[in-house]
C-alpha atoms as a PDB file:
ATOM      1  CA  UNK A   1     147.168  60.980  96.186  1.00  0.00           C
ATOM      2  CA  UNK A   2     144.114  61.840  98.279  1.00  0.00           C
ATOM      3  CA  UNK A   3     144.071  65.571  98.435  1.00  0.00           C
ATOM      4  CA  UNK A   4     145.414  68.662  96.721  1.00  0.00           C
ATOM      5  CA  UNK A   5     144.750  72.090  98.533  1.00  0.00           C
ATOM      6  CA  UNK A   6     144.545  74.908  95.850  1.00  0.00           C
ATOM      7  CA  UNK A   7     145.074  78.377  96.987  1.00  0.00           C
ATOM      8  CA  UNK A   8     144.890  81.428  94.642  1.00  0.00           C
ATOM      9  CA  UNK A   9     146.660  84.578  95.942  1.00  0.00           C
ATOM     10  CA  UNK A  10     147.461  88.069  94.826  1.00  0.00           C
ATOM     11  CA  UNK A  11     149.513  90.545  97.014  1.00  0.00           C
ATOM     12  CA  UNK A  12     148.488  88.868 100.344  1.00  0.00           C
ATOM     13  CA  UNK A  13     151.702  87.429 101.655  1.00  0.00           C
ATOM     14  CA  UNK A  14     150.744  88.084 105.244  1.00  0.00           C
ATOM     15  CA  UNK A  15     147.309  86.298 104.951  1.00  0.00           C
ATOM     16  CA  UNK A  16     148.759  83.632 102.844  1.00  0.00           C
ATOM     17  CA  UNK A  17     151.502  82.886 105.558  1.00  0.00           C
ATOM     18  CA  UNK A  18     148.896  82.199 108.241  1.00  0.00           C
ATOM     19  CA  UNK A  19     146.714  80.257 105.795  1.00  0.00           C
ATOM     20  CA  UNK A  20     149.546  77.909 104.749  1.00  0.00           C
ATOM     21  CA  UNK A  21     150.630  77.385 108.341  1.00  0.00           C
ATOM     22  CA  UNK A  22     147.192  76.149 109.217  1.00  0.00           C
ATOM     23  CA  UNK A  23     146.844  74.019 106.083  1.00  0.00           C
ATOM     24  CA  UNK A  24     150.240  72.285 106.600  1.00  0.00           C
ATOM     25  CA  UNK A  25     149.266  71.446 110.221  1.00  0.00           C
ATOM     26  CA  UNK A  26     145.862  70.131 108.993  1.00  0.00           C
ATOM     27  CA  UNK A  27     147.626  68.018 106.285  1.00  0.00           C
ATOM     28  CA  UNK A  28     149.167  65.890 109.051  1.00  0.00           C
ATOM     29  CA  UNK A  29     148.136  62.282 108.304  1.00  0.00           C
ATOM     30  CA  UNK A  30     146.710  63.221 104.931  1.00  0.00           C
ATOM     31  CA  UNK A  31     148.292  62.048 101.721  1.00  0.00           C
ATOM     32  CA  UNK A  32     148.411  65.175  99.502  1.00  0.00           C
ATOM     33  CA  UNK A  33     149.955  68.364  98.400  1.00  0.00           C
ATOM     34  CA  UNK A  34     149.417  72.140  98.531  1.00  0.00           C
ATOM     35  CA  UNK A  35     149.442  74.226  95.335  1.00  0.00           C
ATOM     36  CA  UNK A  36     149.608  78.001  95.435  1.00  0.00           C
ATOM     37  CA  UNK A  37     148.728  80.012  92.310  1.00  0.00           C
ATOM     38  CA  UNK A  38     150.321  83.420  92.533  1.00  0.00           C
ATOM     39  CA  UNK A  39     148.494  85.917  90.334  1.00  0.00           C
ATOM     40  CA  UNK A  40     151.422  88.203  89.518  1.00  0.00           C
ATOM     41  CA  UNK A  41     151.948  89.384  93.013  1.00  0.00           C
ATOM     42  CA  UNK A  42     154.268  92.379  93.487  1.00  0.00           C
ATOM     43  CA  UNK A  43     154.663  92.218  97.289  1.00  0.00           C
ATOM     44  CA  UNK A  44     156.794  89.736  99.319  1.00  0.00           C
ATOM     45  CA  UNK A  45     154.837  86.602  98.229  1.00  0.00           C
ATOM     46  CA  UNK A  46     157.566  84.893  96.234  1.00  0.00           C
ATOM     47  CA  UNK A  47     160.087  85.547  98.955  1.00  0.00           C
ATOM     48  CA  UNK A  48     157.697  84.137 101.679  1.00  0.00           C
ATOM     49  CA  UNK A  49     157.008  81.029  99.482  1.00  0.00           C
ATOM     50  CA  UNK A  50     160.597  80.380  98.726  1.00  0.00           C
ATOM     51  CA  UNK A  51     161.899  81.071 102.232  1.00  0.00           C
ATOM     52  CA  UNK A  52     159.171  79.677 104.475  1.00  0.00           C
ATOM     53  CA  UNK A  53     157.335  77.063 102.464  1.00  0.00           C
ATOM     54  CA  UNK A  54     159.691  75.320 100.086  1.00  0.00           C
ATOM     55  CA  UNK A  55     157.525  72.129 100.264  1.00  0.00           C
ATOM     56  CA  UNK A  56     154.551  73.946  98.706  1.00  0.00           C
ATOM     57  CA  UNK A  57     154.262  73.951  94.888  1.00  0.00           C
ATOM     58  CA  UNK A  58     153.851  77.383  93.379  1.00  0.00           C
ATOM     59  CA  UNK A  59     152.560  78.496  89.998  1.00  0.00           C
ATOM     60  CA  UNK A  60     153.713  82.098  89.178  1.00  0.00           C
ATOM     61  CA  UNK A  61     151.652  83.952  86.647  1.00  0.00           C
ATOM     62  CA  UNK A  62     152.924  87.085  84.949  1.00  0.00           C
ATOM     63  CA  UNK A  63     149.445  88.578  84.671  1.00  0.00           C
ATOM     64  CA  UNK A  64     146.718  88.675  87.311  1.00  0.00           C
ATOM     65  CA  UNK A  65     144.393  86.042  85.796  1.00  0.00           C
ATOM     66  CA  UNK A  66     141.888  86.552  88.590  1.00  0.00           C
ATOM     67  CA  UNK A  67     140.173  83.616  90.203  1.00  0.00           C
ATOM     68  CA  UNK A  68     138.572  81.166  87.774  1.00  0.00           C
ATOM     69  CA  UNK A  69     141.457  80.844  85.325  1.00  0.00           C
ATOM     70  CA  UNK A  70     143.927  80.651  88.188  1.00  0.00           C
ATOM     71  CA  UNK A  71     142.019  77.949  90.046  1.00  0.00           C
ATOM     72  CA  UNK A  72     141.685  75.900  86.873  1.00  0.00           C
ATOM     73  CA  UNK A  73     145.472  76.042  86.650  1.00  0.00           C
ATOM     74  CA  UNK A  74     145.820  74.726  90.029  1.00  0.00           C
ATOM     75  CA  UNK A  75     143.261  71.963  89.508  1.00  0.00           C
ATOM     76  CA  UNK A  76     144.886  70.748  86.341  1.00  0.00           C
ATOM     77  CA  UNK A  77     148.332  70.739  87.963  1.00  0.00           C
ATOM     78  CA  UNK A  78     147.411  67.844  90.290  1.00  0.00           C
ATOM     79  CA  UNK A  79     146.124  64.356  90.037  1.00  0.00           C
ATOM     80  CA  UNK A  80     144.633  64.179  93.483  1.00  0.00           C
ATOM     81  CA  UNK A  81     141.356  62.388  94.063  1.00  0.00           C
ATOM     82  CA  UNK A  82     139.898  65.372  95.901  1.00  0.00           C
ATOM     83  CA  UNK A  83     140.679  69.117  95.374  1.00  0.00           C
ATOM     84  CA  UNK A  84     140.109  71.549  98.298  1.00  0.00           C
ATOM     85  CA  UNK A  85     139.752  75.199  97.079  1.00  0.00           C
ATOM     86  CA  UNK A  86     140.706  77.614  99.739  1.00  0.00           C
ATOM     87  CA  UNK A  87     140.965  81.413  99.926  1.00  0.00           C
ATOM     88  CA  UNK A  88     144.081  82.982 101.244  1.00  0.00           C
ATOM     89  CA  UNK A  89     142.182  84.795 103.942  1.00  0.00           C
ATOM     90  CA  UNK A  90     141.304  81.581 105.784  1.00  0.00           C
ATOM     91  CA  UNK A  91     142.777  79.401 108.531  1.00  0.00           C
ATOM     92  CA  UNK A  92     141.874  75.656 108.534  1.00  0.00           C
ATOM     93  CA  UNK A  93     141.159  73.942 111.799  1.00  0.00           C
ATOM     94  CA  UNK A  94     143.279  70.954 112.579  1.00  0.00           C
ATOM     95  CA  UNK A  95     140.705  68.128 111.994  1.00  0.00           C
ATOM     96  CA  UNK A  96     138.894  69.944 109.016  1.00  0.00           C
ATOM     97  CA  UNK A  97     140.594  68.277 106.028  1.00  0.00           C
ATOM     98  CA  UNK A  98     140.304  64.750 107.451  1.00  0.00           C
ATOM     99  CA  UNK A  99     136.635  65.370 108.346  1.00  0.00           C
ATOM    100  CA  UNK A 100     135.831  66.543 104.879  1.00  0.00           C
ATOM    101  CA  UNK A 101     137.624  63.696 103.107  1.00  0.00           C
ATOM    102  CA  UNK A 102     135.903  61.102 105.469  1.00  0.00           C
ATOM    103  CA  UNK A 103     132.587  62.737 104.520  1.00  0.00           C
ATOM    104  CA  UNK A 104     133.169  62.530 100.903  1.00  0.00           C
ATOM    105  CA  UNK A 105     134.242  58.912 101.147  1.00  0.00           C
ATOM    106  CA  UNK A 106     131.000  58.109 103.028  1.00  0.00           C
ATOM    107  CA  UNK A 107     128.838  59.900 100.496  1.00  0.00           C
ATOM    108  CA  UNK A 108     129.587  58.634  96.969  1.00  0.00           C
ATOM    109  CA  UNK A 109     126.993  60.873  95.240  1.00  0.00           C
ATOM    110  CA  UNK A 110     128.485  63.964  96.937  1.00  0.00           C
ATOM    111  CA  UNK A 111     130.411  66.010  94.352  1.00  0.00           C
ATOM    112  CA  UNK A 112     131.180  68.906  96.630  1.00  0.00           C
ATOM    113  CA  UNK A 113     131.132  69.625 100.362  1.00  0.00           C
ATOM    114  CA  UNK A 114     131.755  72.929 102.144  1.00  0.00           C
ATOM    115  CA  UNK A 115     132.760  73.375 105.775  1.00  0.00           C
ATOM    116  CA  UNK A 116     131.272  75.844 108.308  1.00  0.00           C
ATOM    117  CA  UNK A 117     132.944  79.236 107.912  1.00  0.00           C
ATOM    118  CA  UNK A 118     133.336  81.201 111.082  1.00  0.00           C
ATOM    119  CA  UNK A 119     134.828  84.673 111.845  1.00  0.00           C
ATOM    120  CA  UNK A 120     137.945  85.061 113.937  1.00  0.00           C
ATOM    121  CA  UNK A 121     135.504  85.500 116.792  1.00  0.00           C
ATOM    122  CA  UNK A 122     133.829  82.281 115.877  1.00  0.00           C
ATOM    123  CA  UNK A 123     130.610  83.893 114.699  1.00  0.00           C
ATOM    124  CA  UNK A 124     129.098  81.555 112.005  1.00  0.00           C
ATOM    125  CA  UNK A 125     129.176  82.931 108.564  1.00  0.00           C
ATOM    126  CA  UNK A 126     126.682  82.185 105.678  1.00  0.00           C
ATOM    127  CA  UNK A 127     128.685  79.749 103.646  1.00  0.00           C
ATOM    128  CA  UNK A 128     125.858  77.812 101.907  1.00  0.00           C
ATOM    129  CA  UNK A 129     122.910  79.425 100.050  1.00  0.00           C
ATOM    130  CA  UNK A 130     120.070  78.741  97.700  1.00  0.00           C
ATOM    131  CA  UNK A 131     120.250  79.197  93.968  1.00  0.00           C
ATOM    132  CA  UNK A 132     120.021  82.807  92.890  1.00  0.00           C
ATOM    133  CA  UNK A 133     116.828  82.204  90.649  1.00  0.00           C
ATOM    134  CA  UNK A 134     115.424  85.241  88.749  1.00  0.00           C
ATOM    135  CA  UNK A 135     112.485  85.340  91.308  1.00  0.00           C
ATOM    136  CA  UNK A 136     114.776  85.520  94.292  1.00  0.00           C
ATOM    137  CA  UNK A 137     117.103  88.003  92.433  1.00  0.00           C
ATOM    138  CA  UNK A 138     114.114  90.213  91.776  1.00  0.00           C
ATOM    139  CA  UNK A 139     112.722  89.993  95.304  1.00  0.00           C
ATOM    140  CA  UNK A 140     116.158  90.838  96.738  1.00  0.00           C
ATOM    141  CA  UNK A 141     116.853  93.586  94.192  1.00  0.00           C
ATOM    142  CA  UNK A 142     113.635  95.550  95.009  1.00  0.00           C
ATOM    143  CA  UNK A 143     113.988  94.944  98.680  1.00  0.00           C
ATOM    144  CA  UNK A 144     110.855  92.727  99.217  1.00  0.00           C
ATOM    145  CA  UNK A 145     112.904  89.794 100.420  1.00  0.00           C
ATOM    146  CA  UNK A 146     114.505  91.924 103.095  1.00  0.00           C
ATOM    147  CA  UNK A 147     111.121  93.165 104.393  1.00  0.00           C
ATOM    148  CA  UNK A 148     109.699  89.694 104.614  1.00  0.00           C
ATOM    149  CA  UNK A 149     112.767  87.958 105.932  1.00  0.00           C
ATOM    150  CA  UNK A 150     111.098  86.921 109.173  1.00  0.00           C
ATOM    151  CA  UNK A 151     107.986  85.521 107.557  1.00  0.00           C
ATOM    152  CA  UNK A 152     107.981  81.797 107.222  1.00  0.00           C
ATOM    153  CA  UNK A 153     105.665  81.794 104.224  1.00  0.00           C
ATOM    154  CA  UNK A 154     108.107  83.986 102.277  1.00  0.00           C
ATOM    155  CA  UNK A 155     111.056  81.531 102.707  1.00  0.00           C
ATOM    156  CA  UNK A 156     110.903  80.730  99.091  1.00  0.00           C
ATOM    157  CA  UNK A 157     112.133  84.175  98.061  1.00  0.00           C
ATOM    158  CA  UNK A 158     114.996  84.214 100.509  1.00  0.00           C
ATOM    159  CA  UNK A 159     118.524  83.219  99.297  1.00  0.00           C
ATOM    160  CA  UNK A 160     119.570  82.150 102.782  1.00  0.00           C
ATOM    161  CA  UNK A 161     118.846  78.879 104.556  1.00  0.00           C
ATOM    162  CA  UNK A 162     117.318  79.106 108.036  1.00  0.00           C
ATOM    163  CA  UNK A 163     120.067  79.328 110.702  1.00  0.00           C
ATOM    164  CA  UNK A 164     121.646  77.657 112.376  1.00  0.00           C
ATOM    165  CA  UNK A 165     122.378  74.992 109.836  1.00  0.00           C
ATOM    166  CA  UNK A 166     123.132  71.349 110.443  1.00  0.00           C
ATOM    167  CA  UNK A 167     124.910  69.046 107.963  1.00  0.00           C
ATOM    168  CA  UNK A 168     122.610  68.871 104.942  1.00  0.00           C
ATOM    169  CA  UNK A 169     122.364  68.950 101.136  1.00  0.00           C
ATOM    170  CA  UNK A 170     122.342  72.492  99.930  1.00  0.00           C
ATOM    171  CA  UNK A 171     122.111  74.201  96.542  1.00  0.00           C
ATOM    172  CA  UNK A 172     125.634  75.593  96.566  1.00  0.00           C
ATOM    173  CA  UNK A 173     128.473  76.149  98.991  1.00  0.00           C
ATOM    174  CA  UNK A 174     130.950  78.891  99.198  1.00  0.00           C
ATOM    175  CA  UNK A 175     134.064  78.461  96.933  1.00  0.00           C
ATOM    176  CA  UNK A 176     136.236  80.113  99.471  1.00  0.00           C
ATOM    177  CA  UNK A 177     136.579  76.680 101.276  1.00  0.00           C
ATOM    178  CA  UNK A 178     135.138  73.879  99.213  1.00  0.00           C
ATOM    179  CA  UNK A 179     136.133  70.226  98.745  1.00  0.00           C
ATOM    180  CA  UNK A 180     135.583  68.897  95.141  1.00  0.00           C
ATOM    181  CA  UNK A 181     135.512  65.429  93.734  1.00  0.00           C
ATOM    182  CA  UNK A 182     138.017  65.723  90.997  1.00  0.00           C
ATOM    183  CA  UNK A 183     136.446  63.193  88.633  1.00  0.00           C
ATOM    184  CA  UNK A 184     133.180  65.192  88.741  1.00  0.00           C
ATOM    185  CA  UNK A 185     134.930  68.455  87.988  1.00  0.00           C
ATOM    186  CA  UNK A 186     136.633  66.934  85.040  1.00  0.00           C
ATOM    187  CA  UNK A 187     133.284  65.900  83.618  1.00  0.00           C
ATOM    188  CA  UNK A 188     131.752  69.264  84.307  1.00  0.00           C
ATOM    189  CA  UNK A 189     134.606  71.180  82.767  1.00  0.00           C
ATOM    190  CA  UNK A 190     136.255  72.810  85.767  1.00  0.00           C
ATOM    191  CA  UNK A 191     135.437  76.581  86.489  1.00  0.00           C
ATOM    192  CA  UNK A 192     133.496  78.578  83.849  1.00  0.00           C
ATOM    193  CA  UNK A 193     136.135  81.278  82.956  1.00  0.00           C
ATOM    194  CA  UNK A 194     133.295  83.573  81.791  1.00  0.00           C
ATOM    195  CA  UNK A 195     133.086  84.553  85.468  1.00  0.00           C
ATOM    196  CA  UNK A 196     136.215  86.584  86.356  1.00  0.00           C
ATOM    197  CA  UNK A 197     135.041  85.849  89.816  1.00  0.00           C
ATOM    198  CA  UNK A 198     131.738  85.874  91.773  1.00  0.00           C
ATOM    199  CA  UNK A 199     128.844  83.433  90.855  1.00  0.00           C
ATOM    200  CA  UNK A 200     131.324  80.600  90.025  1.00  0.00           C
ATOM    201  CA  UNK A 201     130.264  78.728  93.165  1.00  0.00           C
ATOM    202  CA  UNK A 202     126.461  78.677  92.497  1.00  0.00           C
ATOM    203  CA  UNK A 203     127.422  77.730  88.916  1.00  0.00           C
ATOM    204  CA  UNK A 204     129.208  74.656  90.096  1.00  0.00           C
ATOM    205  CA  UNK A 205     126.358  73.845  92.309  1.00  0.00           C
ATOM    206  CA  UNK A 206     123.867  74.133  89.551  1.00  0.00           C
ATOM    207  CA  UNK A 207     126.022  72.096  87.127  1.00  0.00           C
ATOM    208  CA  UNK A 208     126.349  69.489  89.738  1.00  0.00           C
ATOM    209  CA  UNK A 209     122.592  69.476  90.407  1.00  0.00           C
ATOM    210  CA  UNK A 210     121.746  69.078  86.640  1.00  0.00           C
ATOM    211  CA  UNK A 211     124.302  66.277  86.345  1.00  0.00           C
ATOM    212  CA  UNK A 212     122.815  64.372  89.273  1.00  0.00           C
ATOM    213  CA  UNK A 213     125.476  65.115  91.984  1.00  0.00           C
ATOM    214  CA  UNK A 214     124.959  66.406  95.480  1.00  0.00           C
ATOM    215  CA  UNK A 215     126.361  69.451  97.163  1.00  0.00           C
ATOM    216  CA  UNK A 216     126.626  69.352 100.905  1.00  0.00           C
ATOM    217  CA  UNK A 217     127.330  71.619 103.889  1.00  0.00           C
ATOM    218  CA  UNK A 218     129.152  69.868 106.768  1.00  0.00           C
ATOM    219  CA  UNK A 219     128.789  71.700 110.128  1.00  0.00           C
ATOM    220  CA  UNK A 220     131.330  69.324 111.609  1.00  0.00           C
ATOM    221  CA  UNK A 221     134.331  70.805 109.772  1.00  0.00           C
ATOM    222  CA  UNK A 222     135.345  74.409 110.377  1.00  0.00           C
ATOM    223  CA  UNK A 223     137.368  77.077 108.608  1.00  0.00           C
ATOM    224  CA  UNK A 224     138.100  80.470 110.043  1.00  0.00           C
ATOM    225  CA  UNK A 225     137.405  83.162 107.438  1.00  0.00           C
ATOM    226  CA  UNK A 226     138.752  86.679 107.631  1.00  0.00           C
ATOM    227  CA  UNK A 227     135.914  87.868 105.439  1.00  0.00           C
ATOM    228  CA  UNK A 228     136.801  90.458 102.803  1.00  0.00           C
ATOM    229  CA  UNK A 229     140.440  90.577 103.609  1.00  0.00           C
ATOM    230  CA  UNK A 230     141.510  88.774 100.507  1.00  0.00           C
ATOM    231  CA  UNK A 231     140.275  91.779  98.359  1.00  0.00           C
ATOM    232  CA  UNK A 232     140.989  94.696 100.616  1.00  0.00           C
ATOM    233  CA  UNK A 233     144.286  95.441  98.856  1.00  0.00           C
ATOM    234  CA  UNK A 234     142.888  95.247  95.316  1.00  0.00           C
ATOM    235  CA  UNK A 235     139.926  97.710  95.426  1.00  0.00           C
ATOM    236  CA  UNK A 236     141.870 100.262  93.333  1.00  0.00           C
ATOM    237  CA  UNK A 237     142.705  97.624  90.684  1.00  0.00           C
ATOM    238  CA  UNK A 238     139.282  95.917  90.196  1.00  0.00           C
ATOM    239  CA  UNK A 239     135.809  97.362  90.290  1.00  0.00           C
ATOM    240  CA  UNK A 240     134.232  94.495  92.090  1.00  0.00           C
ATOM    241  CA  UNK A 241     130.586  95.806  91.695  1.00  0.00           C
ATOM    242  CA  UNK A 242     131.081  95.865  87.918  1.00  0.00           C
ATOM    243  CA  UNK A 243     132.423  92.336  87.792  1.00  0.00           C
ATOM    244  CA  UNK A 244     129.565  91.135  90.138  1.00  0.00           C
ATOM    245  CA  UNK A 245     126.988  92.572  87.611  1.00  0.00           C
ATOM    246  CA  UNK A 246     128.669  90.868  84.709  1.00  0.00           C
ATOM    247  CA  UNK A 247     128.828  87.619  86.559  1.00  0.00           C
ATOM    248  CA  UNK A 248     125.194  87.888  87.540  1.00  0.00           C
ATOM    249  CA  UNK A 249     124.201  88.351  83.919  1.00  0.00           C
ATOM    250  CA  UNK A 250     126.273  85.455  82.636  1.00  0.00           C
ATOM    251  CA  UNK A 251     124.752  83.172  85.319  1.00  0.00           C
ATOM    252  CA  UNK A 252     121.211  83.976  84.517  1.00  0.00           C
ATOM    253  CA  UNK A 253     121.788  83.935  80.755  1.00  0.00           C
ATOM    254  CA  UNK A 254     123.515  80.531  81.161  1.00  0.00           C
ATOM    255  CA  UNK A 255     120.801  78.860  83.257  1.00  0.00           C
ATOM    256  CA  UNK A 256     117.630  80.854  82.729  1.00  0.00           C
ATOM    257  CA  UNK A 257     117.927  82.474  79.349  1.00  0.00           C
ATOM    258  CA  UNK A 258     118.153  86.034  77.975  1.00  0.00           C
ATOM    259  CA  UNK A 259     114.533  87.042  78.980  1.00  0.00           C
ATOM    260  CA  UNK A 260     115.539  86.323  82.624  1.00  0.00           C
ATOM    261  CA  UNK A 261     118.577  88.453  82.261  1.00  0.00           C
ATOM    262  CA  UNK A 262     116.595  91.382  80.819  1.00  0.00           C
ATOM    263  CA  UNK A 263     113.912  91.118  83.534  1.00  0.00           C
ATOM    264  CA  UNK A 264     116.334  90.959  86.446  1.00  0.00           C
ATOM    265  CA  UNK A 265     118.520  93.845  85.094  1.00  0.00           C
ATOM    266  CA  UNK A 266     115.397  96.050  84.526  1.00  0.00           C
ATOM    267  CA  UNK A 267     114.278  95.394  88.071  1.00  0.00           C
ATOM    268  CA  UNK A 268     117.633  96.427  89.394  1.00  0.00           C
ATOM    269  CA  UNK A 269     117.713  99.494  87.225  1.00  0.00           C
ATOM    270  CA  UNK A 270     114.243 100.644  88.166  1.00  0.00           C
ATOM    271  CA  UNK A 271     114.948  99.902  91.783  1.00  0.00           C
ATOM    272  CA  UNK A 272     118.130 101.948  91.722  1.00  0.00           C
ATOM    273  CA  UNK A 273     116.409 104.916  90.075  1.00  0.00           C
ATOM    274  CA  UNK A 274     113.517 104.927  92.521  1.00  0.00           C
ATOM    275  CA  UNK A 275     115.874 104.953  95.419  1.00  0.00           C
ATOM    276  CA  UNK A 276     117.937 107.647  93.902  1.00  0.00           C
ATOM    277  CA  UNK A 277     114.802 109.901  93.480  1.00  0.00           C
ATOM    278  CA  UNK A 278     113.712 109.140  96.988  1.00  0.00           C
ATOM    279  CA  UNK A 279     117.102 110.041  98.546  1.00  0.00           C
ATOM    280  CA  UNK A 280     117.138 113.155  96.429  1.00  0.00           C
ATOM    281  CA  UNK A 281     113.636 114.200  97.670  1.00  0.00           C
ATOM    282  CA  UNK A 282     114.934 113.673 101.202  1.00  0.00           C
ATOM    283  CA  UNK A 283     118.105 115.710 100.418  1.00  0.00           C
ATOM    284  CA  UNK A 284     120.286 112.683 100.915  1.00  0.00           C
ATOM    285  CA  UNK A 285     122.640 113.707  98.289  1.00  0.00           C
ATOM    286  CA  UNK A 286     125.341 111.079  98.852  1.00  0.00           C
ATOM    287  CA  UNK A 287     122.831 108.209  99.048  1.00  0.00           C
ATOM    288  CA  UNK A 288     121.216 109.510  95.796  1.00  0.00           C
ATOM    289  CA  UNK A 289     124.646 109.591  94.083  1.00  0.00           C
ATOM    290  CA  UNK A 290     125.414 106.017  95.211  1.00  0.00           C
ATOM    291  CA  UNK A 291     122.135 104.813  93.771  1.00  0.00           C
ATOM    292  CA  UNK A 292     122.630 106.697  90.633  1.00  0.00           C
ATOM    293  CA  UNK A 293     126.080 105.109  90.181  1.00  0.00           C
ATOM    294  CA  UNK A 294     124.425 101.649  90.571  1.00  0.00           C
ATOM    295  CA  UNK A 295     122.153 102.537  87.772  1.00  0.00           C
ATOM    296  CA  UNK A 296     124.997 103.780  85.537  1.00  0.00           C
ATOM    297  CA  UNK A 297     126.938 100.610  86.353  1.00  0.00           C
ATOM    298  CA  UNK A 298     124.303  98.469  84.635  1.00  0.00           C
ATOM    299  CA  UNK A 299     125.251 100.134  81.351  1.00  0.00           C
ATOM    300  CA  UNK A 300     128.961 100.176  82.082  1.00  0.00           C
ATOM    301  CA  UNK A 301     128.846  96.441  82.568  1.00  0.00           C
ATOM    302  CA  UNK A 302     127.879  96.002  78.969  1.00  0.00           C
ATOM    303  CA  UNK A 303     131.545  96.516  77.966  1.00  0.00           C
ATOM    304  CA  UNK A 304     134.355  94.232  78.913  1.00  0.00           C
ATOM    305  CA  UNK A 305     136.288  95.916  81.713  1.00  0.00           C
ATOM    306  CA  UNK A 306     140.218  96.240  81.567  1.00  0.00           C
ATOM    307  CA  UNK A 307     140.917  93.655  84.211  1.00  0.00           C
ATOM    308  CA  UNK A 308     138.854  91.090  82.218  1.00  0.00           C
ATOM    309  CA  UNK A 309     140.616  91.948  79.024  1.00  0.00           C
ATOM    310  CA  UNK A 310     144.021  91.528  80.753  1.00  0.00           C
ATOM    311  CA  UNK A 311     143.070  88.219  82.189  1.00  0.00           C
ATOM    312  CA  UNK A 312     141.986  86.840  78.812  1.00  0.00           C
ATOM    313  CA  UNK A 313     145.092  88.151  77.100  1.00  0.00           C
ATOM    314  CA  UNK A 314     147.364  86.855  79.817  1.00  0.00           C
ATOM    315  CA  UNK A 315     145.832  83.519  80.036  1.00  0.00           C
ATOM    316  CA  UNK A 316     147.164  82.220  76.703  1.00  0.00           C
ATOM    317  CA  UNK A 317     150.742  82.467  77.730  1.00  0.00           C
ATOM    318  CA  UNK A 318     150.068  81.170  81.317  1.00  0.00           C
ATOM    319  CA  UNK A 319     147.611  78.436  80.323  1.00  0.00           C
ATOM    320  CA  UNK A 320     149.969  75.538  80.827  1.00  0.00           C
ATOM    321  CA  UNK A 321     152.049  77.082  83.577  1.00  0.00           C
ATOM    322  CA  UNK A 322     152.461  74.107  85.728  1.00  0.00           C
ATOM    323  CA  UNK A 323     149.918  71.975  84.048  1.00  0.00           C
ATOM    324  CA  UNK A 324     149.843  69.046  81.539  1.00  0.00           C
ATOM    325  CA  UNK A 325     149.264  70.175  78.048  1.00  0.00           C
ATOM    326  CA  UNK A 326     146.569  67.726  77.554  1.00  0.00           C
ATOM    327  CA  UNK A 327     145.333  64.192  78.425  1.00  0.00           C
ATOM    328  CA  UNK A 328     147.663  62.539  75.780  1.00  0.00           C
ATOM    329  CA  UNK A 329     150.800  64.751  76.357  1.00  0.00           C
ATOM    330  CA  UNK A 330     153.399  64.517  79.038  1.00  0.00           C
ATOM    331  CA  UNK A 331     155.205  67.711  77.800  1.00  0.00           C
ATOM    332  CA  UNK A 332     155.005  69.305  81.262  1.00  0.00           C
ATOM    333  CA  UNK A 333     155.272  66.206  83.382  1.00  0.00           C
ATOM    334  CA  UNK A 334     158.856  66.861  84.470  1.00  0.00           C
ATOM    335  CA  UNK A 335     158.171  70.485  85.413  1.00  0.00           C
ATOM    336  CA  UNK A 336     155.149  69.490  87.605  1.00  0.00           C
ATOM    337  CA  UNK A 337     157.401  68.143  90.357  1.00  0.00           C
ATOM    338  CA  UNK A 338     159.359  71.335  90.737  1.00  0.00           C
ATOM    339  CA  UNK A 339     158.424  73.835  93.519  1.00  0.00           C
ATOM    340  CA  UNK A 340     157.940  76.476  90.779  1.00  0.00           C
ATOM    341  CA  UNK A 341     156.701  74.961  87.562  1.00  0.00           C
ATOM    342  CA  UNK A 342     156.733  76.943  84.292  1.00  0.00           C
ATOM    343  CA  UNK A 343     155.687  75.553  80.976  1.00  0.00           C
ATOM    344  CA  UNK A 344     153.927  77.335  78.113  1.00  0.00           C
ATOM    345  CA  UNK A 345     152.431  75.631  75.046  1.00  0.00           C
ATOM    346  CA  UNK A 346     149.483  76.164  72.847  1.00  0.00           C
ATOM    347  CA  UNK A 347     146.551  74.115  73.754  1.00  0.00           C
ATOM    348  CA  UNK A 348     142.868  73.800  74.575  1.00  0.00           C
ATOM    349  CA  UNK A 349     141.371  76.492  76.792  1.00  0.00           C
ATOM    350  CA  UNK A 350     139.570  75.124  79.912  1.00  0.00           C
END
């Protein structure tokens, strides 16, 4: 099998419907399958999948495992040579999948390639960026990078590549639409579940770089991205800023060490305090309160939030929901061919 498209969803049946329609059309002429990992949706997702897309394999989780654990489920549930990770708030253009597969075939050192992401109005979105080093993080956190954004000599502190971008090797590409070479991900260890979500895509880019693989941006393949729509219904359930802080800390601790984490977080804290005092002096009370909340958030992020505890607790029962129990076991093999696979066993965490 050439390709498996993996889509993680939660309470987005309307977006998922249009995403799947575009994917199935783009799969014409491609040997592969589509796997949807449903993170405990309570809307009409199950009815939509059963009634409109019976050809799509579905993994139903009883708990919202969030992104990294769920996408690992999907990746382990397939034997495809290439895996295309796709957000449910996207629409794939007809030639996109074939173009990405052809590109990967032509570049044997390419471990991942991301297409161009565009808005529904076809404005190009930033879908490939530079690694968030401690230096770039600090320059961004204190606002220096923004003030010097138009200075060529300051390009090293910018997280963005110059626009427009042509097809090129990049540090990392957006995980919202990303084709991965499955054999590489098996060696790297799939997604790091210490990220609930956020920073998992630069993490993959960094691990590939360290292992000698390339990450590419391909401007000849396009995906329409309804930016932010995949999280609009879940703001009351997950504090995204808190998760973002925790992901940022894990990334820097993993690749740059604890001193880098302390330095970056101190800079963010001092920056938030100074902005809060400045806004207070100017009687911008709401802005001052927002900056103070950002400062407080740095301390709140020291504790594991409820959504992360739920994902960790729920993962054990769901860990082999639709997956093989291990490289030497075919316990779940029969279930894998069913539209809705369900198999739970103890085993090794990803």
